[in-house]
Amino acid sequence: MAGVFATLLAGCSSGDNGEKGGPADIRATVISTFNSGSNETRFGALEFVGGLELSSDNVLLGAISAIRFRPDQRHFISVLDTGHWLTGAIERDQEGRLKGISDARITPMIDRHGGTDAGKGDMDAEGLALRGNHVLVSYEQYHRVDAYPDPGFEISPPDGTMPIPIPRSELRSNRSLEALMIAPQSSPLAGSAVIVAEDSLDDQGNLLAAILDGPLNGRFTVRRHGDFNVSDGVFLPDGDLLLLERRFELIHGLGVRIRRIAGANIKPGAVVDGEAIFEAGPGEQIDNMEGLDVFRAADGSLHLVMVSDDNHSILQRSLMLEFKLHDDNIVSQN
């Protein structure tokens, strides 16, 4: 969900989301520098590794809300907020940089009644997580977290729904269950599923959030800073939570930020906060950044991959950006 800016851009849409899914031949244009005016690679705690701008003749490509990589660090699952799955594999060049996407497929998500094309109000997929033999998906508008069997999620309806300890009346229709993450099994959260709302607030102005299961099941909140909204998140192996936040407005333009929140602070009743470790604006290669995942590269370093939601607009881009995470440089909170 991208607010007023997305509403204005909707009239520029170039796709017909009623098309059925299938193979998607995705073209990739390599992005070699993150800042268009320099060859700088270090941005806060992140080092830019490479990126892609994605396009396809398949009109369903776009509106990417979340991405999760399989353990091989190559194959991925994404959800589109039009109610579709996008699966595929990343390809790399000889230097290990992103080169393209192969084996891509876009298929309609099957709802709890066994149907497809239920409409954006029912199938507005925003968050995604992989846990055991299930793919978990969070939806806004019709607020819920559904569990799909894995393997088989592309051809199956959900076989369960996770209880959400937040009254649905407190969740804003189009600004709710945006971020869905799985905590490390070794952390105090013991592999629990965690959600953070995009812009649904308590009476103190904090973002609504919850631990959906496990030993610390319950509600907590996240301190909100400025005009950024949460769009995704991912837990690091040490148990800390990275929250991806974006600004997507006509007045202030595009912006993206990542905050690092101490995992030990996430518990029922807590109000958690964290330092910004990365921030970028219109001068960098960003768009409406909505998805974030992390994996450990062959050299042992942690890599982050971000993807953008182009709202099926000819004025926006579908991006995939890769960064290496460094822990020795924390950007001060403004």
C-alpha atoms as a PDB file:
ATOM      1  CA  MET A   1       0.000   0.000   0.000  1.00  0.00           C
ATOM      2  CA  ALA A   2       1.524   3.283  -1.054  1.00  0.00           C
ATOM      3  CA  GLY A   3      -0.957   5.921   0.007  1.00  0.00           C
ATOM      4  CA  VAL A   4      -1.970   9.001  -1.915  1.00  0.00           C
ATOM      5  CA  PHE A   5       0.895   8.808  -4.412  1.00  0.00           C
ATOM      6  CA  ALA A   6      -0.124   5.316  -5.504  1.00  0.00           C
ATOM      7  CA  THR A   7      -3.734   6.399  -5.901  1.00  0.00           C
ATOM      8  CA  LEU A   8      -2.696   9.175  -8.246  1.00  0.00           C
ATOM      9  CA  LEU A   9      -0.477   6.853 -10.248  1.00  0.00           C
ATOM     10  CA  ALA A  10      -3.138   4.179 -10.600  1.00  0.00           C
ATOM     11  CA  GLY A  11      -4.521   5.936 -13.659  1.00  0.00           C
ATOM     12  CA  CYS A  12      -1.186   5.295 -15.381  1.00  0.00           C
ATOM     13  CA  SER A  13      -1.433   1.531 -14.931  1.00  0.00           C
ATOM     14  CA  SER A  14      -0.166  -0.459 -17.879  1.00  0.00           C
ATOM     15  CA  GLY A  15      -1.333  -3.924 -16.824  1.00  0.00           C
ATOM     16  CA  ASP A  16      -4.571  -5.908 -16.849  1.00  0.00           C
ATOM     17  CA  ASN A  17      -4.538  -7.786 -13.574  1.00  0.00           C
ATOM     18  CA  GLY A  18      -7.375 -10.027 -14.707  1.00  0.00           C
ATOM     19  CA  GLU A  19      -4.993 -12.071 -16.895  1.00  0.00           C
ATOM     20  CA  LYS A  20      -4.334 -15.649 -15.830  1.00  0.00           C
ATOM     21  CA  GLY A  21      -0.908 -16.622 -14.591  1.00  0.00           C
ATOM     22  CA  GLY A  22       1.813 -18.822 -16.036  1.00  0.00           C
ATOM     23  CA  PRO A  23       5.464 -18.586 -17.096  1.00  0.00           C
ATOM     24  CA  ALA A  24       6.909 -15.091 -17.057  1.00  0.00           C
ATOM     25  CA  ASP A  25       9.882 -14.206 -19.240  1.00  0.00           C
ATOM     26  CA  ILE A  26      11.480 -11.539 -17.059  1.00  0.00           C
ATOM     27  CA  ARG A  27      13.938  -9.113 -18.625  1.00  0.00           C
ATOM     28  CA  ALA A  28      16.544  -7.644 -16.313  1.00  0.00           C
ATOM     29  CA  THR A  29      18.511  -4.427 -16.733  1.00  0.00           C
ATOM     30  CA  VAL A  30      21.587  -4.420 -14.486  1.00  0.00           C
ATOM     31  CA  ILE A  31      21.966  -1.569 -11.975  1.00  0.00           C
ATOM     32  CA  SER A  32      25.671  -1.163 -11.306  1.00  0.00           C
ATOM     33  CA  THR A  33      25.660   1.929  -9.053  1.00  0.00           C
ATOM     34  CA  PHE A  34      23.216   2.799  -6.291  1.00  0.00           C
ATOM     35  CA  ASN A  35      23.822   6.543  -6.356  1.00  0.00           C
ATOM     36  CA  SER A  36      23.349   7.895  -9.859  1.00  0.00           C
ATOM     37  CA  GLY A  37      25.945  10.600  -9.289  1.00  0.00           C
ATOM     38  CA  SER A  38      28.861   8.563  -7.945  1.00  0.00           C
ATOM     39  CA  ASN A  39      30.472   5.153  -7.661  1.00  0.00           C
ATOM     40  CA  GLU A  40      30.079   5.131  -3.867  1.00  0.00           C
ATOM     41  CA  THR A  41      29.133   1.685  -2.550  1.00  0.00           C
ATOM     42  CA  ARG A  42      28.780   2.283   1.199  1.00  0.00           C
ATOM     43  CA  PHE A  43      25.485   3.646   2.504  1.00  0.00           C
ATOM     44  CA  GLY A  44      25.211   3.561   6.282  1.00  0.00           C
ATOM     45  CA  ALA A  45      25.665  -0.028   7.405  1.00  0.00           C
ATOM     46  CA  LEU A  46      24.993  -1.393   3.911  1.00  0.00           C
ATOM     47  CA  GLU A  47      27.358  -1.904   0.994  1.00  0.00           C
ATOM     48  CA  PHE A  48      25.715  -1.942  -2.422  1.00  0.00           C
ATOM     49  CA  VAL A  49      26.464  -5.156  -4.306  1.00  0.00           C
ATOM     50  CA  GLY A  50      24.243  -4.818  -7.373  1.00  0.00           C
ATOM     51  CA  GLY A  51      20.702  -4.594  -8.622  1.00  0.00           C
ATOM     52  CA  LEU A  52      18.201  -5.269 -11.383  1.00  0.00           C
ATOM     53  CA  GLU A  53      15.308  -3.421 -12.967  1.00  0.00           C
ATOM     54  CA  LEU A  54      12.724  -6.023 -13.959  1.00  0.00           C
ATOM     55  CA  SER A  55      10.218  -5.999 -16.813  1.00  0.00           C
ATOM     56  CA  SER A  56       8.152  -8.536 -18.728  1.00  0.00           C
ATOM     57  CA  ASP A  57       5.553  -8.931 -21.456  1.00  0.00           C
ATOM     58  CA  ASN A  58       3.527 -10.796 -18.838  1.00  0.00           C
ATOM     59  CA  VAL A  59       1.303  -7.971 -17.582  1.00  0.00           C
ATOM     60  CA  LEU A  60       0.989  -9.578 -14.150  1.00  0.00           C
ATOM     61  CA  LEU A  61       4.609  -8.788 -13.257  1.00  0.00           C
ATOM     62  CA  GLY A  62       4.639  -5.947 -10.740  1.00  0.00           C
ATOM     63  CA  ALA A  63       3.140  -5.019  -7.382  1.00  0.00           C
ATOM     64  CA  ILE A  64       5.764  -7.135  -5.574  1.00  0.00           C
ATOM     65  CA  SER A  65       5.040  -6.904  -1.852  1.00  0.00           C
ATOM     66  CA  ALA A  66       7.485  -9.367  -0.265  1.00  0.00           C
ATOM     67  CA  ILE A  67      10.244 -11.835  -1.098  1.00  0.00           C
ATOM     68  CA  ARG A  68      11.729 -14.844   0.688  1.00  0.00           C
ATOM     69  CA  PHE A  69      14.640 -16.976  -0.474  1.00  0.00           C
ATOM     70  CA  ARG A  70      14.869 -20.735  -0.219  1.00  0.00           C
ATOM     71  CA  PRO A  71      17.879 -22.196   1.649  1.00  0.00           C
ATOM     72  CA  ASP A  72      19.826 -22.465  -1.617  1.00  0.00           C
ATOM     73  CA  GLN A  73      19.866 -18.606  -1.653  1.00  0.00           C
ATOM     74  CA  ARG A  74      18.884 -18.691  -5.322  1.00  0.00           C
ATOM     75  CA  HIS A  75      15.239 -19.715  -5.612  1.00  0.00           C
ATOM     76  CA  PHE A  76      12.669 -17.338  -4.190  1.00  0.00           C
ATOM     77  CA  ILE A  77       8.968 -16.877  -3.507  1.00  0.00           C
ATOM     78  CA  SER A  78       7.261 -13.502  -3.753  1.00  0.00           C
ATOM     79  CA  VAL A  79       3.694 -12.340  -3.303  1.00  0.00           C
ATOM     80  CA  LEU A  80       2.039  -9.648  -5.395  1.00  0.00           C
ATOM     81  CA  ASP A  81      -0.644  -7.487  -3.807  1.00  0.00           C
ATOM     82  CA  THR A  82      -2.894  -8.398  -6.737  1.00  0.00           C
ATOM     83  CA  GLY A  83      -3.289 -11.868  -5.208  1.00  0.00           C
ATOM     84  CA  HIS A  84      -0.557 -13.727  -7.130  1.00  0.00           C
ATOM     85  CA  TRP A  85       2.542 -15.776  -6.409  1.00  0.00           C
ATOM     86  CA  LEU A  86       5.813 -14.987  -8.191  1.00  0.00           C
ATOM     87  CA  THR A  87       8.459 -17.703  -8.045  1.00  0.00           C
ATOM     88  CA  GLY A  88      11.812 -17.918  -9.765  1.00  0.00           C
ATOM     89  CA  ALA A  89      15.584 -18.013  -9.361  1.00  0.00           C
ATOM     90  CA  ILE A  90      18.217 -15.322  -9.444  1.00  0.00           C
ATOM     91  CA  GLU A  91      21.155 -15.626 -11.829  1.00  0.00           C
ATOM     92  CA  ARG A  92      24.601 -14.169 -11.150  1.00  0.00           C
ATOM     93  CA  ASP A  93      27.528 -13.154 -13.309  1.00  0.00           C
ATOM     94  CA  GLN A  94      31.089 -14.420 -12.895  1.00  0.00           C
ATOM     95  CA  GLU A  95      31.731 -11.845 -10.165  1.00  0.00           C
ATOM     96  CA  GLY A  96      28.676 -12.943  -8.190  1.00  0.00           C
ATOM     97  CA  ARG A  97      26.517  -9.913  -8.959  1.00  0.00           C
ATOM     98  CA  LEU A  98      22.852 -10.108  -9.875  1.00  0.00           C
ATOM     99  CA  LYS A  99      22.444 -10.749 -13.595  1.00  0.00           C
ATOM    100  CA  GLY A 100      18.871 -11.883 -14.185  1.00  0.00           C
ATOM    101  CA  ILE A 101      15.836 -13.958 -13.216  1.00  0.00           C
ATOM    102  CA  SER A 102      15.141 -17.447 -14.558  1.00  0.00           C
ATOM    103  CA  ASP A 103      12.327 -20.012 -14.232  1.00  0.00           C
ATOM    104  CA  ALA A 104       9.845 -17.297 -13.294  1.00  0.00           C
ATOM    105  CA  ARG A 105       6.175 -18.139 -12.898  1.00  0.00           C
ATOM    106  CA  ILE A 106       3.234 -16.001 -11.827  1.00  0.00           C
ATOM    107  CA  THR A 107       0.192 -17.887 -10.586  1.00  0.00           C
ATOM    108  CA  PRO A 108      -3.035 -16.774  -8.888  1.00  0.00           C
ATOM    109  CA  MET A 109      -3.313 -17.383  -5.169  1.00  0.00           C
ATOM    110  CA  ILE A 110      -6.157 -19.712  -4.196  1.00  0.00           C
ATOM    111  CA  ASP A 111      -8.426 -18.382  -1.456  1.00  0.00           C
ATOM    112  CA  ARG A 112      -9.941 -20.276   1.457  1.00  0.00           C
ATOM    113  CA  HIS A 113     -12.973 -21.182  -0.680  1.00  0.00           C
ATOM    114  CA  GLY A 114     -10.819 -22.720  -3.414  1.00  0.00           C
ATOM    115  CA  GLY A 115     -11.294 -19.834  -5.835  1.00  0.00           C
ATOM    116  CA  THR A 116      -8.998 -17.296  -7.487  1.00  0.00           C
ATOM    117  CA  ASP A 117      -9.428 -13.667  -8.503  1.00  0.00           C
ATOM    118  CA  ALA A 118     -11.364 -12.937  -5.321  1.00  0.00           C
ATOM    119  CA  GLY A 119     -10.534  -9.251  -5.677  1.00  0.00           C
ATOM    120  CA  LYS A 120      -7.931  -7.035  -4.053  1.00  0.00           C
ATOM    121  CA  GLY A 121     -10.050  -6.554  -0.947  1.00  0.00           C
ATOM    122  CA  ASP A 122      -9.790 -10.263  -0.085  1.00  0.00           C
ATOM    123  CA  MET A 123      -6.379 -11.105  -1.571  1.00  0.00           C
ATOM    124  CA  ASP A 124      -4.260  -8.009  -0.878  1.00  0.00           C
ATOM    125  CA  ALA A 125      -1.131  -9.997  -0.002  1.00  0.00           C
ATOM    126  CA  GLU A 126       1.536  -7.911   1.759  1.00  0.00           C
ATOM    127  CA  GLY A 127       3.737 -10.036   4.032  1.00  0.00           C
ATOM    128  CA  LEU A 128       5.404 -13.414   3.470  1.00  0.00           C
ATOM    129  CA  ALA A 129       7.324 -15.882   5.606  1.00  0.00           C
ATOM    130  CA  LEU A 130       8.585 -19.454   5.220  1.00  0.00           C
ATOM    131  CA  ARG A 131       8.391 -21.770   8.214  1.00  0.00           C
ATOM    132  CA  GLY A 132       8.697 -25.535   8.130  1.00  0.00           C
ATOM    133  CA  ASN A 133       6.164 -27.006   5.726  1.00  0.00           C
ATOM    134  CA  HIS A 134       4.135 -23.811   5.339  1.00  0.00           C
ATOM    135  CA  VAL A 135       4.247 -20.518   3.500  1.00  0.00           C
ATOM    136  CA  LEU A 136       2.636 -17.820   5.656  1.00  0.00           C
ATOM    137  CA  VAL A 137       1.023 -14.789   4.019  1.00  0.00           C
ATOM    138  CA  SER A 138      -0.368 -11.676   5.709  1.00  0.00           C
ATOM    139  CA  TYR A 139      -3.159  -9.723   4.074  1.00  0.00           C
ATOM    140  CA  GLU A 140      -4.531  -6.255   4.619  1.00  0.00           C
ATOM    141  CA  GLN A 141      -8.063  -5.006   4.012  1.00  0.00           C
ATOM    142  CA  TYR A 142      -9.407  -8.455   4.960  1.00  0.00           C
ATOM    143  CA  HIS A 143      -6.860  -8.701   7.795  1.00  0.00           C
ATOM    144  CA  ARG A 144      -5.465 -12.187   8.367  1.00  0.00           C
ATOM    145  CA  VAL A 145      -2.405 -14.460   8.224  1.00  0.00           C
ATOM    146  CA  ASP A 146      -3.053 -17.592   6.165  1.00  0.00           C
ATOM    147  CA  ALA A 147      -0.886 -20.715   6.074  1.00  0.00           C
ATOM    148  CA  TYR A 148      -0.357 -22.515   2.744  1.00  0.00           C
ATOM    149  CA  PRO A 149       1.152 -26.013   2.455  1.00  0.00           C
ATOM    150  CA  ASP A 150       4.735 -26.103   1.240  1.00  0.00           C
ATOM    151  CA  PRO A 151       5.305 -27.699  -1.203  1.00  0.00           C
ATOM    152  CA  GLY A 152       2.039 -27.176  -3.025  1.00  0.00           C
ATOM    153  CA  PHE A 153       1.217 -23.583  -2.097  1.00  0.00           C
ATOM    154  CA  GLU A 154       0.751 -22.545  -5.731  1.00  0.00           C
ATOM    155  CA  ILE A 155      -2.042 -25.035  -6.330  1.00  0.00           C
ATOM    156  CA  SER A 156      -3.633 -25.162  -2.877  1.00  0.00           C
ATOM    157  CA  PRO A 157      -5.917 -23.054  -0.705  1.00  0.00           C
ATOM    158  CA  PRO A 158      -4.650 -22.173   2.775  1.00  0.00           C
ATOM    159  CA  ASP A 159      -4.960 -25.029   5.256  1.00  0.00           C
ATOM    160  CA  GLY A 160      -5.032 -22.767   8.291  1.00  0.00           C
ATOM    161  CA  THR A 161      -5.218 -19.212   9.604  1.00  0.00           C
ATOM    162  CA  MET A 162      -3.165 -17.883  12.498  1.00  0.00           C
ATOM    163  CA  PRO A 163      -4.947 -16.046  15.328  1.00  0.00           C
ATOM    164  CA  ILE A 164      -4.054 -12.357  15.499  1.00  0.00           C
ATOM    165  CA  PRO A 165      -4.091 -10.814  19.018  1.00  0.00           C
ATOM    166  CA  ILE A 166      -5.028  -7.409  17.606  1.00  0.00           C
ATOM    167  CA  PRO A 167      -8.730  -6.579  17.196  1.00  0.00           C
ATOM    168  CA  ARG A 168      -9.410  -6.097  13.524  1.00  0.00           C
ATOM    169  CA  SER A 169     -11.261  -2.892  14.356  1.00  0.00           C
ATOM    170  CA  GLU A 170      -7.894  -1.375  15.340  1.00  0.00           C
ATOM    171  CA  LEU A 171      -6.306  -2.149  11.960  1.00  0.00           C
ATOM    172  CA  ARG A 172      -6.605   0.381   9.137  1.00  0.00           C
ATOM    173  CA  SER A 173      -8.147  -1.068   6.003  1.00  0.00           C
ATOM    174  CA  ASN A 174      -5.235  -0.486   3.646  1.00  0.00           C
ATOM    175  CA  ARG A 175      -2.403   0.041   6.146  1.00  0.00           C
ATOM    176  CA  SER A 176      -2.350  -3.038   8.315  1.00  0.00           C
ATOM    177  CA  LEU A 177      -0.472  -6.370   8.254  1.00  0.00           C
ATOM    178  CA  GLU A 178       2.433  -5.324   6.060  1.00  0.00           C
ATOM    179  CA  ALA A 179       5.423  -7.081   7.647  1.00  0.00           C
ATOM    180  CA  LEU A 180       5.521 -10.787   8.561  1.00  0.00           C
ATOM    181  CA  MET A 181       8.701 -12.375   9.898  1.00  0.00           C
ATOM    182  CA  ILE A 182       9.901 -15.588  11.565  1.00  0.00           C
ATOM    183  CA  ALA A 183      12.254 -15.225  14.531  1.00  0.00           C
ATOM    184  CA  PRO A 184      15.262 -17.559  14.801  1.00  0.00           C
ATOM    185  CA  GLN A 185      14.538 -20.772  16.676  1.00  0.00           C
ATOM    186  CA  SER A 186      17.519 -20.047  18.934  1.00  0.00           C
ATOM    187  CA  SER A 187      16.150 -16.658  20.046  1.00  0.00           C
ATOM    188  CA  PRO A 188      13.831 -15.997  23.022  1.00  0.00           C
ATOM    189  CA  LEU A 189      10.979 -15.841  20.489  1.00  0.00           C
ATOM    190  CA  ALA A 190      11.778 -19.463  19.580  1.00  0.00           C
ATOM    191  CA  GLY A 191      10.763 -19.398  15.930  1.00  0.00           C
ATOM    192  CA  SER A 192       7.588 -17.393  16.444  1.00  0.00           C
ATOM    193  CA  ALA A 193       5.795 -15.532  13.690  1.00  0.00           C
ATOM    194  CA  VAL A 194       5.800 -11.748  14.206  1.00  0.00           C
ATOM    195  CA  ILE A 195       3.729  -9.084  12.454  1.00  0.00           C
ATOM    196  CA  VAL A 196       4.106  -5.288  12.353  1.00  0.00           C
ATOM    197  CA  ALA A 197       1.445  -2.996  10.912  1.00  0.00           C
ATOM    198  CA  GLU A 198       2.260  -0.525   8.179  1.00  0.00           C
ATOM    199  CA  ASP A 199       0.473   2.464   9.683  1.00  0.00           C
ATOM    200  CA  SER A 200      -2.118   1.222  12.190  1.00  0.00           C
ATOM    201  CA  LEU A 201      -1.408   3.039  15.460  1.00  0.00           C
ATOM    202  CA  ASP A 202      -2.291   2.836  19.134  1.00  0.00           C
ATOM    203  CA  ASP A 203      -3.453   5.901  21.049  1.00  0.00           C
ATOM    204  CA  GLN A 204       0.208   6.851  21.685  1.00  0.00           C
ATOM    205  CA  GLY A 205       1.008   6.918  17.982  1.00  0.00           C
ATOM    206  CA  ASN A 206       2.990   3.659  18.014  1.00  0.00           C
ATOM    207  CA  LEU A 207       2.698   0.975  15.340  1.00  0.00           C
ATOM    208  CA  LEU A 208       0.624  -2.068  16.277  1.00  0.00           C
ATOM    209  CA  ALA A 209       2.546  -5.350  16.302  1.00  0.00           C
ATOM    210  CA  ALA A 210       2.200  -8.856  17.678  1.00  0.00           C
ATOM    211  CA  ILE A 211       3.937 -12.162  18.324  1.00  0.00           C
ATOM    212  CA  LEU A 212       1.476 -14.647  16.874  1.00  0.00           C
ATOM    213  CA  ASP A 213       2.541 -17.837  18.645  1.00  0.00           C
ATOM    214  CA  GLY A 214       5.258 -19.366  20.781  1.00  0.00           C
ATOM    215  CA  PRO A 215       6.252 -18.729  24.408  1.00  0.00           C
ATOM    216  CA  LEU A 216       5.910 -14.924  24.203  1.00  0.00           C
ATOM    217  CA  ASN A 217       2.624 -14.741  22.294  1.00  0.00           C
ATOM    218  CA  GLY A 218       1.007 -11.322  22.611  1.00  0.00           C
ATOM    219  CA  ARG A 219       0.879  -7.703  21.478  1.00  0.00           C
ATOM    220  CA  PHE A 220       3.642  -5.103  21.439  1.00  0.00           C
ATOM    221  CA  THR A 221       4.177  -1.815  19.617  1.00  0.00           C
ATOM    222  CA  VAL A 222       6.925  -0.181  17.558  1.00  0.00           C
ATOM    223  CA  ARG A 223       7.878   3.474  17.958  1.00  0.00           C
ATOM    224  CA  ARG A 224       7.054   5.404  14.782  1.00  0.00           C
ATOM    225  CA  HIS A 225       9.493   8.045  13.513  1.00  0.00           C
ATOM    226  CA  GLY A 226       8.706  10.701  10.938  1.00  0.00           C
ATOM    227  CA  ASP A 227       6.649  10.060   7.820  1.00  0.00           C
ATOM    228  CA  PHE A 228       7.988   6.565   7.100  1.00  0.00           C
ATOM    229  CA  ASN A 229       5.683   3.524   7.116  1.00  0.00           C
ATOM    230  CA  VAL A 230       6.713  -0.093   7.701  1.00  0.00           C
ATOM    231  CA  SER A 231       6.747  -2.188   4.531  1.00  0.00           C
ATOM    232  CA  ASP A 232       8.584  -5.397   5.557  1.00  0.00           C
ATOM    233  CA  GLY A 233      11.058  -6.861   7.983  1.00  0.00           C
ATOM    234  CA  VAL A 234      13.383  -9.780   8.583  1.00  0.00           C
ATOM    235  CA  PHE A 235      15.135 -11.267  11.594  1.00  0.00           C
ATOM    236  CA  LEU A 236      18.906 -11.548  11.577  1.00  0.00           C
ATOM    237  CA  PRO A 237      20.545 -14.788  12.773  1.00  0.00           C
ATOM    238  CA  ASP A 238      21.421 -13.078  16.088  1.00  0.00           C
ATOM    239  CA  GLY A 239      17.724 -12.420  16.751  1.00  0.00           C
ATOM    240  CA  ASP A 240      17.654  -8.692  15.973  1.00  0.00           C
ATOM    241  CA  LEU A 241      14.865  -7.429  13.735  1.00  0.00           C
ATOM    242  CA  LEU A 242      15.465  -5.291  10.657  1.00  0.00           C
ATOM    243  CA  LEU A 243      12.411  -3.199   9.750  1.00  0.00           C
ATOM    244  CA  LEU A 244      12.169  -1.876   6.207  1.00  0.00           C
ATOM    245  CA  GLU A 245      10.350   1.460   6.075  1.00  0.00           C
ATOM    246  CA  ARG A 246       9.455   3.554   3.074  1.00  0.00           C
ATOM    247  CA  ARG A 247       8.178   7.028   2.326  1.00  0.00           C
ATOM    248  CA  PHE A 248       6.139   7.309  -0.844  1.00  0.00           C
ATOM    249  CA  GLU A 249       4.467  10.698  -1.085  1.00  0.00           C
ATOM    250  CA  LEU A 250       4.122  13.579  -3.505  1.00  0.00           C
ATOM    251  CA  ILE A 251       5.242  16.147  -0.926  1.00  0.00           C
ATOM    252  CA  HIS A 252       8.491  14.565   0.294  1.00  0.00           C
ATOM    253  CA  GLY A 253       9.153  12.127  -2.534  1.00  0.00           C
ATOM    254  CA  LEU A 254      10.584   8.633  -2.309  1.00  0.00           C
ATOM    255  CA  GLY A 255      12.533   7.428   0.680  1.00  0.00           C
ATOM    256  CA  VAL A 256      13.610   4.145   2.261  1.00  0.00           C
ATOM    257  CA  ARG A 257      15.051   3.363   5.663  1.00  0.00           C
ATOM    258  CA  ILE A 258      16.027   0.283   7.677  1.00  0.00           C
ATOM    259  CA  ARG A 259      15.931   0.236  11.463  1.00  0.00           C
ATOM    260  CA  ARG A 260      17.598  -2.425  13.603  1.00  0.00           C
ATOM    261  CA  ILE A 261      15.607  -3.423  16.686  1.00  0.00           C
ATOM    262  CA  ALA A 262      17.119  -5.552  19.455  1.00  0.00           C
ATOM    263  CA  GLY A 263      15.378  -8.910  19.419  1.00  0.00           C
ATOM    264  CA  ALA A 264      15.667  -9.195  23.197  1.00  0.00           C
ATOM    265  CA  ASN A 265      13.340  -6.202  23.543  1.00  0.00           C
ATOM    266  CA  ILE A 266      10.489  -7.806  21.597  1.00  0.00           C
ATOM    267  CA  LYS A 267       8.000  -9.139  24.123  1.00  0.00           C
ATOM    268  CA  PRO A 268       4.340  -8.645  25.042  1.00  0.00           C
ATOM    269  CA  GLY A 269       3.588  -5.117  26.249  1.00  0.00           C
ATOM    270  CA  ALA A 270       6.886  -3.662  25.047  1.00  0.00           C
ATOM    271  CA  VAL A 271       7.338  -0.487  23.021  1.00  0.00           C
ATOM    272  CA  VAL A 272      10.384  -1.223  20.858  1.00  0.00           C
ATOM    273  CA  ASP A 273      12.602   1.167  18.926  1.00  0.00           C
ATOM    274  CA  GLY A 274      15.883   1.027  17.060  1.00  0.00           C
ATOM    275  CA  GLU A 275      18.566   2.997  15.258  1.00  0.00           C
ATOM    276  CA  ALA A 276      18.443   3.569  11.531  1.00  0.00           C
ATOM    277  CA  ILE A 277      21.284   1.665   9.868  1.00  0.00           C
ATOM    278  CA  PHE A 278      20.455   2.710   6.307  1.00  0.00           C
ATOM    279  CA  GLU A 279      18.557   5.502   4.581  1.00  0.00           C
ATOM    280  CA  ALA A 280      18.222   6.508   0.932  1.00  0.00           C
ATOM    281  CA  GLY A 281      16.229   9.036  -1.060  1.00  0.00           C
ATOM    282  CA  PRO A 282      15.451  10.230  -4.576  1.00  0.00           C
ATOM    283  CA  GLY A 283      19.159  10.508  -5.455  1.00  0.00           C
ATOM    284  CA  GLU A 284      19.574   6.742  -5.143  1.00  0.00           C
ATOM    285  CA  GLN A 285      18.230   3.836  -7.186  1.00  0.00           C
ATOM    286  CA  ILE A 286      15.057   3.243  -5.192  1.00  0.00           C
ATOM    287  CA  ASP A 287      11.339   3.088  -5.812  1.00  0.00           C
ATOM    288  CA  ASN A 288       8.446   2.029  -3.588  1.00  0.00           C
ATOM    289  CA  MET A 289      10.541  -0.483  -1.619  1.00  0.00           C
ATOM    290  CA  GLU A 290       8.262  -3.118  -0.089  1.00  0.00           C
ATOM    291  CA  GLY A 291      10.158  -6.393   0.363  1.00  0.00           C
ATOM    292  CA  LEU A 292      13.257  -7.400   2.330  1.00  0.00           C
ATOM    293  CA  ASP A 293      15.071 -10.676   2.963  1.00  0.00           C
ATOM    294  CA  VAL A 294      18.454 -11.711   4.341  1.00  0.00           C
ATOM    295  CA  PHE A 295      20.757 -14.651   3.684  1.00  0.00           C
ATOM    296  CA  ARG A 296      24.326 -15.638   4.475  1.00  0.00           C
ATOM    297  CA  ALA A 297      26.604 -15.587   1.438  1.00  0.00           C
ATOM    298  CA  ALA A 298      29.320 -18.141   0.700  1.00  0.00           C
ATOM    299  CA  ASP A 299      31.952 -15.899   2.323  1.00  0.00           C
ATOM    300  CA  GLY A 300      29.949 -15.781   5.574  1.00  0.00           C
ATOM    301  CA  SER A 301      28.697 -12.211   5.161  1.00  0.00           C
ATOM    302  CA  LEU A 302      25.035 -11.304   5.494  1.00  0.00           C
ATOM    303  CA  HIS A 303      23.344 -10.016   2.344  1.00  0.00           C
ATOM    304  CA  LEU A 304      20.049  -8.139   2.134  1.00  0.00           C
ATOM    305  CA  VAL A 305      17.780  -8.157  -0.912  1.00  0.00           C
ATOM    306  CA  MET A 306      15.091  -5.490  -1.356  1.00  0.00           C
ATOM    307  CA  VAL A 307      12.318  -5.437  -3.947  1.00  0.00           C
ATOM    308  CA  SER A 308       9.900  -2.692  -4.966  1.00  0.00           C
ATOM    309  CA  ASP A 309       6.172  -2.521  -5.686  1.00  0.00           C
ATOM    310  CA  ASP A 310       5.614  -0.623  -8.944  1.00  0.00           C
ATOM    311  CA  ASN A 311       1.824  -0.482  -8.480  1.00  0.00           C
ATOM    312  CA  HIS A 312       1.588  -1.574 -12.137  1.00  0.00           C
ATOM    313  CA  SER A 313       2.376   2.022 -13.063  1.00  0.00           C
ATOM    314  CA  ILE A 314       4.392   3.142 -16.063  1.00  0.00           C
ATOM    315  CA  LEU A 315       5.908   5.835 -13.815  1.00  0.00           C
ATOM    316  CA  GLN A 316       7.477   3.301 -11.446  1.00  0.00           C
ATOM    317  CA  ARG A 317       9.927   0.425 -11.566  1.00  0.00           C
ATOM    318  CA  SER A 318      10.179  -3.126 -10.254  1.00  0.00           C
ATOM    319  CA  LEU A 319      13.607  -3.244  -8.626  1.00  0.00           C
ATOM    320  CA  MET A 320      15.701  -5.927  -6.942  1.00  0.00           C
ATOM    321  CA  LEU A 321      18.638  -4.519  -4.955  1.00  0.00           C
ATOM    322  CA  GLU A 322      21.326  -6.445  -3.084  1.00  0.00           C
ATOM    323  CA  PHE A 323      23.494  -5.152  -0.226  1.00  0.00           C
ATOM    324  CA  LYS A 324      26.098  -6.555   2.158  1.00  0.00           C
ATOM    325  CA  LEU A 325      25.402  -5.796   5.823  1.00  0.00           C
ATOM    326  CA  HIS A 326      28.162  -4.296   7.974  1.00  0.00           C
ATOM    327  CA  ASP A 327      27.749  -3.977  11.731  1.00  0.00           C
ATOM    328  CA  ASP A 328      30.321  -1.270  12.370  1.00  0.00           C
ATOM    329  CA  ASN A 329      28.401   1.795  11.171  1.00  0.00           C
ATOM    330  CA  ILE A 330      25.075   2.797  12.651  1.00  0.00           C
ATOM    331  CA  VAL A 331      23.310   5.841  11.227  1.00  0.00           C
ATOM    332  CA  SER A 332      22.002   8.143  13.956  1.00  0.00           C
ATOM    333  CA  GLN A 333      18.212   8.532  14.189  1.00  0.00           C
ATOM    334  CA  ASN A 334      17.074  11.940  12.932  1.00  0.00           C
END
